Amino acid sequence: MKIIQSKDEFKTYINKDQVIALFTADWCPDCRVIEPELPEIEQHFPNYTFISIDRDAFIDVCQDYDIFGIPSFIAFRNGEDIGRFVSKDRKTKEQIISFIQSLS
């Protein structure tokens, strides 16, 4: 998973083919719970690029995309928002996989 370092880098990535953006934070316990599952999820969907956005470092990006709870996921295809799994609730590996499968 690519950790985003700037707003410009975020914009560059989301304008690529297919991207799953994870909005997260170091202090978020639900984010830490799913963290060990993410490499396997990424392997399951090699046609997507996975990026991670730190909510605290990029609060303006979170506001732009109405991210009020973390962890949250937004799927992009060529810059267009094609799906959201956005809430304050804990997410399971199965729920994340189901979300990504629903995009096609």
Protein backbone atom coordinates (compact mmCIF):
# COMPACT_ATOMS: atom_id res chain seq x y z
CA MET A 1 0.00 0.00 0.00
CA LYS A 2 1.34 3.39 -0.99
CA ILE A 3 1.31 5.99 1.80
CA ILE A 4 0.33 9.36 0.39
CA GLN A 5 2.76 12.19 1.19
CA SER A 6 1.02 15.18 -0.45
CA LYS A 7 -2.30 16.37 -1.79
CA ASP A 8 -0.80 16.46 -5.31
CA GLU A 9 0.31 12.84 -4.96
CA PHE A 10 -3.22 11.89 -3.88
CA LYS A 11 -4.69 13.61 -6.95
CA THR A 12 -2.16 11.88 -9.22
CA TYR A 13 -3.06 8.45 -7.86
CA ILE A 14 -6.84 8.84 -7.96
CA ASN A 15 -6.64 9.89 -11.60
CA LYS A 16 -5.05 6.54 -12.51
CA ASP A 17 -7.02 3.51 -13.66
CA GLN A 18 -8.41 1.90 -10.49
CA VAL A 19 -7.54 2.99 -6.97
CA ILE A 20 -8.77 2.06 -3.51
CA ALA A 21 -8.09 4.89 -1.06
CA LEU A 22 -7.98 4.02 2.65
CA PHE A 23 -8.50 6.93 5.02
CA THR A 24 -6.89 6.12 8.37
CA ALA A 25 -5.01 7.50 11.39
CA ASP A 26 -2.31 6.20 13.71
CA TRP A 27 -4.50 6.60 16.80
CA CYS A 28 -7.51 4.74 15.31
CA PRO A 29 -7.96 1.30 16.99
CA ASP A 30 -10.33 0.04 14.25
CA CYS A 31 -7.71 0.98 11.64
CA ARG A 32 -5.09 -1.07 13.51
CA VAL A 33 -7.43 -4.08 13.61
CA ILE A 34 -7.72 -4.27 9.80
CA GLU A 35 -4.10 -3.33 9.10
CA PRO A 36 -2.77 -6.95 9.18
CA GLU A 37 -5.50 -7.98 6.70
CA LEU A 38 -4.68 -5.34 4.09
CA PRO A 39 -1.77 -7.12 2.32
CA GLU A 40 -3.99 -10.15 1.68
CA ILE A 41 -6.82 -7.93 0.45
CA GLU A 42 -4.39 -6.15 -1.89
CA GLN A 43 -3.19 -9.51 -3.28
CA HIS A 44 -6.81 -10.50 -3.88
CA PHE A 45 -7.33 -7.42 -6.12
CA PRO A 46 -4.16 -6.89 -8.19
CA ASN A 47 -6.07 -4.71 -10.69
CA TYR A 48 -6.37 -1.97 -8.03
CA THR A 49 -3.71 0.34 -6.64
CA PHE A 50 -4.14 0.75 -2.88
CA ILE A 51 -3.24 4.05 -1.24
CA SER A 52 -3.38 5.17 2.38
CA ILE A 53 -4.28 8.71 3.45
CA ASP A 54 -3.60 9.88 7.01
CA ARG A 55 -6.73 11.67 8.17
CA ASP A 56 -4.82 13.98 10.48
CA ALA A 57 -2.24 15.00 7.88
CA PHE A 58 -4.86 15.56 5.16
CA ILE A 59 -7.96 16.77 6.97
CA ASP A 60 -8.77 19.02 3.99
CA VAL A 61 -8.87 16.00 1.66
CA CYS A 62 -11.14 14.23 4.14
CA GLN A 63 -13.44 17.24 4.17
CA ASP A 64 -13.44 17.39 0.36
CA TYR A 65 -14.59 13.75 0.21
CA ASP A 66 -16.94 13.82 3.24
CA ILE A 67 -14.86 11.43 5.31
CA PHE A 68 -16.13 11.80 8.87
CA GLY A 69 -15.31 8.34 10.20
CA ILE A 70 -12.31 6.09 9.85
CA PRO A 71 -11.30 3.65 8.60
CA SER A 72 -13.09 4.49 5.36
CA PHE A 73 -12.56 3.46 1.76
CA ILE A 74 -13.28 5.23 -1.52
CA ALA A 75 -12.80 3.55 -4.88
CA PHE A 76 -11.77 5.68 -7.85
CA ARG A 77 -11.62 4.90 -11.56
CA ASN A 78 -9.86 7.48 -13.71
CA GLY A 79 -10.53 10.19 -11.12
CA GLU A 80 -14.21 9.36 -10.63
CA ASP A 81 -15.59 8.21 -7.27
CA ILE A 82 -17.13 4.80 -8.14
CA GLY A 83 -17.87 3.49 -4.66
CA ARG A 84 -17.66 4.23 -0.96
CA PHE A 85 -17.37 2.21 2.21
CA VAL A 86 -17.47 5.17 4.56
CA SER A 87 -18.54 5.01 8.19
CA LYS A 88 -17.19 5.20 11.71
CA ASP A 89 -17.80 1.49 12.25
CA ARG A 90 -15.15 -1.22 12.46
CA LYS A 91 -14.77 -3.04 9.15
CA THR A 92 -13.99 -6.71 8.69
CA LYS A 93 -11.82 -8.26 6.01
CA GLU A 94 -14.94 -9.89 4.54
CA GLN A 95 -16.80 -6.56 4.39
CA ILE A 96 -13.87 -4.87 2.64
CA ILE A 97 -13.59 -7.69 0.10
CA SER A 98 -17.34 -7.59 -0.50
CA PHE A 99 -17.18 -3.82 -1.05
CA ILE A 100 -14.39 -4.13 -3.63
CA GLN A 101 -16.14 -7.04 -5.41
CA SER A 102 -19.29 -4.91 -5.68
CA LEU A 103 -17.41 -2.32 -7.74
CA SER A 104 -17.19 -4.36 -10.95
